Amino acid sequence: MAMNCHSMHREAMPLHGNYLPCNGNQLSLGFASRRLTCLHSRGLGGTDVFSPILVGSNFCLQVKLYLKEHWSTFIVEEDFKFIKSNGLNAVRIPVGWWIASDPSPPKPYVAGSLQVLDNAFLWSEKYGINVIIDLHAAPGSQNGWEHSSSRDGSQEWGQTNDNIQQTVDIIDFLTARYAKSPSLFAVELINEPLSPGVSLENVTKYYKAGYDAVRKHSQTAYVVLSNRLGPSQPRELFTPANGLTRVAIDVHYYSLFSSIFDSFTIEQNIEYVNNNRSAQLSEITTSNGPLTFVGEWVAEWQVRDARKEDYQRFADAQIQVFNQATFGWAYWSLKNVNNYWSLEWMINNGYIKL
């Protein structure tokens, strides 16, 4: 995907009212291939650890000005040309639930993200790029993390019928707005719902209603169902997906965020991709089931002092395995202040060859 995905949904989230959490890896834009080859693009902040930045009384004005500048300069039309020229054919664009309330979103969110998404569609249409709209932040937060707009770690999405219906209405709004665009390729109903806070019963209820909302406006757009993170079964969405057409299941594979990777060597990381990730993907990839989508991955790891050729081998191993996904894959992200999280930097500097 070629557009400032995460920056679209991380507009202004003061932590406990006084801080703006910033993470260079959580502002993003993604790409996919059909087999979808996707990207995300990140931009704000510079570390993998959230850095609280104290803001003053003019916080709201500063954030509005910052975001206006960020949206107008970080991802531009030239980036879509880059995507096209490098053989990428889709962008996965994360958005927040408040985009449906633009230009008057509830506080503390900042208006403007809907116009950014409109621009992304215009550029995608111009360069023949597919768009996957990804609801990355649902009302109440589906996982309690900052990238789903939880201010204090709370996870409240899906606990009431009204909350689920509010989310369905957002999917309805987005699909209706872009259904006639030739670039609308898929709608991802929610990103990374976390178990056990999100039950299989509630996410199944939502996926069925969300699917119907998409189909009300489009018979051709794919509907992407994100697997739950946390305690869950890899094929648990096969039952709710049964009988639905043009559906894909999204899984995210990182060699990070788990202690098992902390002591892995270069060879162990590559072997894990070739053996474990390949087996995990094969388990959910069937000839008569939903399509499979590796919706997020990155050529970054816990290894220190790795050489360029090590990164090349690690990236190539993942591409070879994830090419087996029947819907495609998406790199997180297109642009990032952290080089290895930036597909653009990785391509331009010879670390990744597509």
Protein backbone atom coordinates (compact mmCIF):
# COMPACT_ATOMS: atom_id res chain seq x y z
CA MET A 1 0.00 0.00 0.00
CA ALA A 2 1.25 3.34 -0.65
CA MET A 3 0.03 5.77 1.75
CA ASN A 4 0.46 6.95 5.25
CA CYS A 5 -1.60 4.21 6.78
CA HIS A 6 -0.93 4.36 10.43
CA SER A 7 -0.45 8.05 10.43
CA MET A 8 -4.03 8.21 9.36
CA HIS A 9 -5.35 6.60 12.49
CA ARG A 10 -2.83 7.88 15.04
CA GLU A 11 -3.90 11.45 14.93
CA ALA A 12 -3.92 12.75 18.48
CA MET A 13 -4.03 10.46 21.47
CA PRO A 14 -2.93 12.16 24.68
CA LEU A 15 -1.95 9.52 27.22
CA HIS A 16 -3.78 10.26 30.47
CA GLY A 17 -4.53 13.68 28.99
CA ASN A 18 -0.96 15.00 29.00
CA TYR A 19 1.20 12.99 26.64
CA LEU A 20 1.35 12.08 22.98
CA PRO A 21 2.79 8.56 22.57
CA CYS A 22 5.11 8.42 19.58
CA ASN A 23 6.53 5.29 17.99
CA GLY A 24 8.34 5.22 14.68
CA ASN A 25 7.00 1.76 13.93
CA GLN A 26 3.33 2.51 14.45
CA LEU A 27 2.64 5.10 11.77
CA SER A 28 2.30 3.20 8.59
CA LEU A 29 1.19 2.36 5.12
CA GLY A 30 1.19 -1.10 3.64
CA PHE A 31 1.48 -2.88 0.32
CA ALA A 32 0.06 -6.08 -1.12
CA SER A 33 0.35 -8.38 -4.18
CA ARG A 34 -2.23 -10.42 -6.12
CA ARG A 35 -0.78 -12.28 -5.20
CA LEU A 36 -0.89 -9.03 -3.29
CA THR A 37 2.42 -7.46 -2.35
CA CYS A 38 1.69 -4.82 0.25
CA LEU A 39 3.43 -2.14 2.27
CA HIS A 40 2.80 0.07 5.25
CA SER A 41 4.46 3.38 5.92
CA ARG A 42 5.39 4.67 9.30
CA GLY A 43 6.52 8.06 10.26
CA LEU A 44 6.22 9.60 13.71
CA GLY A 45 8.86 9.21 16.36
CA GLY A 46 12.07 7.27 16.21
CA THR A 47 12.21 4.28 18.55
CA ASP A 48 10.50 0.99 19.12
CA VAL A 49 9.61 2.06 22.64
CA PHE A 50 6.91 4.64 23.19
CA SER A 51 8.43 7.94 24.17
CA PRO A 52 6.09 10.18 26.19
CA ILE A 53 6.41 13.74 24.92
CA LEU A 54 5.07 16.43 27.24
CA VAL A 55 2.87 18.93 25.47
CA GLY A 56 1.66 22.33 26.54
CA SER A 57 -1.68 24.11 26.57
CA ASN A 58 -1.53 24.72 22.83
CA PHE A 59 -1.41 20.96 22.26
CA CYS A 60 -4.47 20.77 20.01
CA LEU A 61 -3.30 23.54 17.70
CA GLN A 62 0.19 22.07 17.49
CA VAL A 63 -1.14 18.62 16.67
CA LYS A 64 -3.41 19.96 13.94
CA LEU A 65 -0.55 21.86 12.36
CA TYR A 66 1.81 18.92 12.70
CA LEU A 67 -0.62 16.47 11.15
CA LYS A 68 -1.47 18.82 8.30
CA GLU A 69 2.23 19.10 7.50
CA HIS A 70 2.76 15.37 7.95
CA TRP A 71 -0.16 14.36 5.76
CA SER A 72 0.88 16.72 2.97
CA THR A 73 4.55 15.69 2.86
CA PHE A 74 5.15 12.19 4.23
CA ILE A 75 3.27 10.15 1.63
CA VAL A 76 2.75 11.91 -1.69
CA GLU A 77 1.91 10.99 -5.27
CA GLU A 78 5.56 10.20 -5.99
CA ASP A 79 5.35 7.33 -3.50
CA PHE A 80 2.58 5.73 -5.51
CA LYS A 81 4.79 5.95 -8.58
CA PHE A 82 7.52 4.21 -6.58
CA ILE A 83 5.10 1.46 -5.60
CA LYS A 84 4.02 0.89 -9.17
CA SER A 85 7.54 0.99 -10.60
CA ASN A 86 8.73 -1.65 -8.15
CA GLY A 87 6.09 -4.20 -9.04
CA LEU A 88 3.90 -3.71 -6.00
CA ASN A 89 0.23 -3.76 -6.80
CA ALA A 90 -1.70 -2.80 -3.68
CA VAL A 91 -1.67 -0.72 -0.53
CA ARG A 92 -3.12 -1.68 2.84
CA ILE A 93 -4.21 1.54 4.50
CA PRO A 94 -5.03 1.44 8.22
CA VAL A 95 -7.64 3.93 9.40
CA GLY A 96 -9.25 4.80 12.71
CA TRP A 97 -12.95 4.57 13.47
CA TRP A 98 -13.30 8.36 13.79
CA ILE A 99 -12.61 8.78 10.06
CA ALA A 100 -16.34 8.19 9.55
CA SER A 101 -17.03 11.36 11.60
CA ASP A 102 -14.75 13.61 9.57
CA PRO A 103 -14.67 16.64 9.42
CA SER A 104 -15.97 16.76 13.02
CA PRO A 105 -14.55 13.73 14.85
CA PRO A 106 -15.00 13.45 18.61
CA LYS A 107 -12.24 14.85 20.78
CA PRO A 108 -9.32 14.29 21.06
CA TYR A 109 -9.19 13.15 17.42
CA VAL A 110 -8.18 15.55 14.68
CA ALA A 111 -10.07 16.12 11.44
CA GLY A 112 -8.45 15.56 8.07
CA SER A 113 -7.82 11.84 7.68
CA LEU A 114 -10.74 11.33 5.29
CA GLN A 115 -9.22 13.72 2.75
CA VAL A 116 -5.92 11.84 3.02
CA LEU A 117 -7.71 8.58 2.22
CA ASP A 118 -9.50 10.27 -0.69
CA ASN A 119 -6.12 11.36 -2.05
CA ALA A 120 -4.78 7.83 -1.73
CA PHE A 121 -7.65 6.53 -3.83
CA LEU A 122 -7.07 9.19 -6.49
CA TRP A 123 -3.38 8.31 -6.76
CA SER A 124 -4.13 4.58 -6.67
CA GLU A 125 -6.57 4.96 -9.54
CA LYS A 126 -4.03 6.99 -11.53
CA TYR A 127 -1.31 4.33 -11.19
CA GLY A 128 -3.48 1.22 -11.23
CA ILE A 129 -2.89 0.25 -7.60
CA ASN A 130 -5.34 -1.74 -5.48
CA VAL A 131 -6.43 -0.46 -2.07
CA ILE A 132 -7.18 -2.50 1.04
CA ILE A 133 -8.94 -0.37 3.66
CA ASP A 134 -7.98 -1.71 7.07
CA LEU A 135 -9.99 -0.68 10.15
CA HIS A 136 -6.98 -0.56 12.43
CA ALA A 137 -8.57 1.18 15.40
CA ALA A 138 -12.11 0.17 16.34
CA PRO A 139 -14.26 2.06 18.87
CA GLY A 140 -13.28 0.99 22.37
CA SER A 141 -10.02 -0.63 21.15
CA GLN A 142 -9.94 -4.27 20.07
CA ASN A 143 -6.57 -5.05 21.67
CA GLY A 144 -5.69 -2.37 24.23
CA TRP A 145 -2.63 -1.18 22.31
CA GLU A 146 -1.83 2.35 21.24
CA HIS A 147 -2.25 1.61 17.53
CA SER A 148 -5.90 0.76 18.16
CA SER A 149 -6.32 4.08 19.99
CA SER A 150 -6.40 2.83 23.55
CA ARG A 151 -5.30 5.68 25.81
CA ASP A 152 -4.74 3.59 28.93
CA GLY A 153 -4.47 -0.04 27.83
CA SER A 154 -8.19 -0.70 28.14
CA GLN A 155 -9.85 -3.09 25.67
CA GLU A 156 -13.59 -2.56 25.36
CA TRP A 157 -14.47 -3.31 21.74
CA GLY A 158 -17.16 -5.90 21.03
CA GLN A 159 -18.60 -6.05 24.53
CA THR A 160 -22.01 -4.67 23.57
CA ASN A 161 -24.28 -4.98 20.55
CA ASP A 162 -24.27 -1.19 20.20
CA ASN A 163 -20.49 -1.15 19.96
CA ILE A 164 -20.49 -3.86 17.30
CA GLN A 165 -23.20 -2.03 15.35
CA GLN A 166 -21.22 1.22 15.54
CA THR A 167 -18.28 -0.59 13.97
CA VAL A 168 -20.47 -2.11 11.26
CA ASP A 169 -21.73 1.39 10.47
CA ILE A 170 -18.13 2.55 9.94
CA ILE A 171 -17.51 -0.31 7.50
CA ASP A 172 -20.76 0.62 5.75
CA PHE A 173 -19.61 4.25 5.47
CA LEU A 174 -16.19 3.38 4.06
CA THR A 175 -17.45 0.82 1.57
CA ALA A 176 -20.24 3.09 0.35
CA ARG A 177 -17.79 5.95 -0.16
CA TYR A 178 -15.31 3.97 -2.26
CA ALA A 179 -17.40 1.17 -3.78
CA LYS A 180 -17.35 2.75 -7.23
CA SER A 181 -13.60 3.24 -7.25
CA PRO A 182 -11.80 0.73 -9.48
CA SER A 183 -9.04 0.65 -6.86
CA LEU A 184 -11.18 -0.66 -4.00
CA PHE A 185 -9.82 -4.18 -3.72
CA ALA A 186 -10.66 -5.22 -0.17
CA VAL A 187 -12.01 -4.10 3.19
CA GLU A 188 -10.38 -5.50 6.34
CA LEU A 189 -13.09 -5.46 8.99
CA ILE A 190 -10.75 -5.05 11.97
CA ASN A 191 -7.05 -5.43 12.75
CA GLU A 192 -5.60 -7.77 15.38
CA PRO A 193 -8.50 -8.41 17.77
CA LEU A 194 -6.93 -9.78 20.93
CA SER A 195 -8.13 -12.90 22.74
CA PRO A 196 -9.49 -13.47 25.33
CA GLY A 197 -10.76 -9.88 25.55
CA VAL A 198 -12.41 -10.33 22.17
CA SER A 199 -14.34 -13.60 22.22
CA LEU A 200 -14.75 -15.80 19.16
CA GLU A 201 -18.52 -15.43 19.54
CA ASN A 202 -18.40 -11.63 19.38
CA VAL A 203 -15.87 -11.38 16.56
CA THR A 204 -17.88 -13.95 14.56
CA LYS A 205 -21.04 -11.90 15.08
CA TYR A 206 -19.21 -8.80 13.89
CA TYR A 207 -17.58 -10.48 10.90
CA LYS A 208 -20.93 -11.70 9.60
CA ALA A 209 -22.52 -8.26 9.97
CA GLY A 210 -19.45 -6.51 8.54
CA TYR A 211 -19.40 -8.84 5.56
CA ASP A 212 -23.04 -8.00 4.85
CA ALA A 213 -22.26 -4.28 5.10
CA VAL A 214 -19.54 -4.60 2.45
CA ARG A 215 -21.73 -6.73 0.20
CA LYS A 216 -24.52 -4.14 0.39
CA HIS A 217 -22.30 -1.85 -1.68
CA SER A 218 -19.88 -4.17 -3.50
CA GLN A 219 -20.03 -7.72 -4.78
CA THR A 220 -16.42 -7.67 -5.94
CA ALA A 221 -14.42 -6.26 -3.03
CA TYR A 222 -12.72 -8.90 -0.92
CA VAL A 223 -13.55 -9.01 2.78
CA VAL A 224 -10.54 -9.62 5.02
CA LEU A 225 -10.99 -11.26 8.43
CA SER A 226 -8.13 -10.79 10.87
CA ASN A 227 -7.21 -13.79 13.00
CA ARG A 228 -7.33 -13.13 16.73
CA LEU A 229 -4.04 -12.68 18.53
CA GLY A 230 -3.49 -14.35 21.87
CA PRO A 231 -5.01 -17.72 22.82
CA SER A 232 -6.88 -18.87 19.71
CA GLN A 233 -6.99 -21.60 17.09
CA PRO A 234 -5.34 -20.94 13.70
CA ARG A 235 -8.37 -22.19 11.75
CA GLU A 236 -11.11 -20.84 14.04
CA LEU A 237 -12.37 -18.46 11.35
CA PHE A 238 -12.97 -21.24 8.84
CA THR A 239 -16.47 -21.83 10.22
CA PRO A 240 -17.66 -18.20 10.07
CA ALA A 241 -16.05 -17.86 6.62
CA ASN A 242 -17.88 -20.91 5.30
CA GLY A 243 -20.33 -19.96 2.58
CA LEU A 244 -18.94 -16.44 2.18
CA THR A 245 -17.46 -15.36 -1.15
CA ARG A 246 -14.23 -13.46 -1.80
CA VAL A 247 -12.95 -13.73 1.76
CA ALA A 248 -9.37 -13.82 3.06
CA ILE A 249 -7.94 -14.52 6.51
CA ASP A 250 -5.18 -12.18 7.69
CA VAL A 251 -2.26 -13.40 9.82
CA HIS A 252 0.74 -11.37 11.00
CA TYR A 253 4.19 -12.95 11.25
CA TYR A 254 6.97 -11.09 13.07
CA SER A 255 10.26 -12.48 14.34
CA LEU A 256 9.81 -10.05 17.21
CA PHE A 257 7.51 -9.38 20.18
CA SER A 258 8.16 -12.79 21.76
CA SER A 259 10.92 -13.97 24.05
CA ILE A 260 11.53 -17.03 21.87
CA PHE A 261 13.31 -14.79 19.37
CA ASP A 262 15.53 -13.01 21.91
CA SER A 263 18.44 -15.42 21.63
CA PHE A 264 17.95 -16.61 18.05
CA THR A 265 20.99 -16.52 15.80
CA ILE A 266 20.84 -15.48 12.17
CA GLU A 267 20.52 -19.09 11.03
CA GLN A 268 17.88 -19.90 13.64
CA ASN A 269 15.75 -16.97 12.48
CA ILE A 270 15.95 -18.09 8.87
CA GLU A 271 15.25 -21.72 9.80
CA TYR A 272 12.22 -20.60 11.84
CA VAL A 273 10.81 -18.86 8.78
CA ASN A 274 11.49 -21.81 6.47
CA ASN A 275 10.11 -24.41 8.87
CA ASN A 276 7.73 -22.93 11.45
CA ARG A 277 6.23 -20.05 9.49
CA SER A 278 5.88 -22.22 6.42
CA ALA A 279 4.02 -24.85 8.45
CA GLN A 280 1.79 -22.25 10.11
CA LEU A 281 0.83 -20.77 6.76
CA SER A 282 0.25 -24.21 5.21
CA GLU A 283 -2.11 -25.11 8.05
CA ILE A 284 -4.53 -22.33 7.13
CA THR A 285 -4.05 -22.46 3.34
CA THR A 286 -6.52 -24.89 1.78
CA SER A 287 -7.83 -25.48 -1.71
CA ASN A 288 -11.46 -24.90 -0.78
CA GLY A 289 -11.27 -22.53 2.19
CA PRO A 290 -10.77 -18.77 2.50
CA LEU A 291 -7.72 -17.17 0.92
CA THR A 292 -4.71 -16.47 3.14
CA PHE A 293 -3.06 -13.09 3.62
CA VAL A 294 0.17 -12.40 5.51
CA GLY A 295 -1.00 -8.89 6.23
CA GLU A 296 2.06 -7.75 8.20
CA TRP A 297 5.71 -8.79 8.28
CA VAL A 298 9.06 -7.03 8.43
CA ALA A 299 12.71 -7.92 7.79
CA GLU A 300 13.74 -6.97 11.31
CA TRP A 301 14.79 -9.19 14.18
CA GLN A 302 16.54 -9.26 17.55
CA VAL A 303 19.93 -10.04 16.00
CA ARG A 304 22.57 -7.40 16.63
CA ASP A 305 25.43 -6.50 14.27
CA ALA A 306 23.92 -8.40 11.35
CA ARG A 307 25.46 -7.74 7.96
CA LYS A 308 23.63 -6.58 4.86
CA GLU A 309 23.78 -10.07 3.35
CA ASP A 310 22.18 -11.45 6.53
CA TYR A 311 19.23 -9.10 6.15
CA GLN A 312 19.01 -10.01 2.47
CA ARG A 313 18.80 -13.71 3.28
CA PHE A 314 16.27 -13.11 6.06
CA ALA A 315 14.05 -10.97 3.84
CA ASP A 316 14.30 -13.39 0.92
CA ALA A 317 13.36 -16.35 3.12
CA GLN A 318 10.22 -14.56 4.26
CA ILE A 319 9.26 -13.52 0.74
CA GLN A 320 9.67 -17.07 -0.54
CA VAL A 321 7.49 -18.48 2.24
CA PHE A 322 4.88 -15.72 2.25
CA ASN A 323 4.52 -15.96 -1.53
CA GLN A 324 2.59 -19.15 -0.76
CA ALA A 325 -0.22 -17.08 0.77
CA THR A 326 -3.09 -17.26 -1.71
CA PHE A 327 -4.14 -13.63 -1.21
CA GLY A 328 -0.63 -12.19 -0.89
CA TRP A 329 1.47 -10.40 1.70
CA ALA A 330 2.00 -6.91 3.07
CA TYR A 331 5.24 -5.43 4.39
CA TRP A 332 5.08 -3.19 7.42
CA SER A 333 5.85 -0.53 6.24
CA LEU A 334 6.53 1.65 3.18
CA LYS A 335 8.34 4.45 5.00
CA ASN A 336 9.84 4.51 8.46
CA VAL A 337 12.46 6.38 10.41
CA ASN A 338 13.82 2.93 11.34
CA ASN A 339 15.44 1.73 8.12
CA TYR A 340 14.66 -1.98 8.26
CA TRP A 341 10.97 -1.22 8.83
CA SER A 342 10.96 0.89 5.65
CA LEU A 343 10.39 -1.11 2.47
CA GLU A 344 11.31 1.93 0.42
CA TRP A 345 14.72 2.14 2.12
CA MET A 346 15.22 -1.62 1.93
CA ILE A 347 14.56 -1.62 -1.83
CA ASN A 348 16.60 1.50 -2.60
CA ASN A 349 19.58 0.17 -0.66
CA GLY A 350 19.52 -3.35 -2.07
CA TYR A 351 18.34 -5.20 1.03
CA ILE A 352 15.14 -6.44 -0.60
CA LYS A 353 14.69 -7.50 -4.21
CA LEU A 354 11.16 -8.13 -5.42
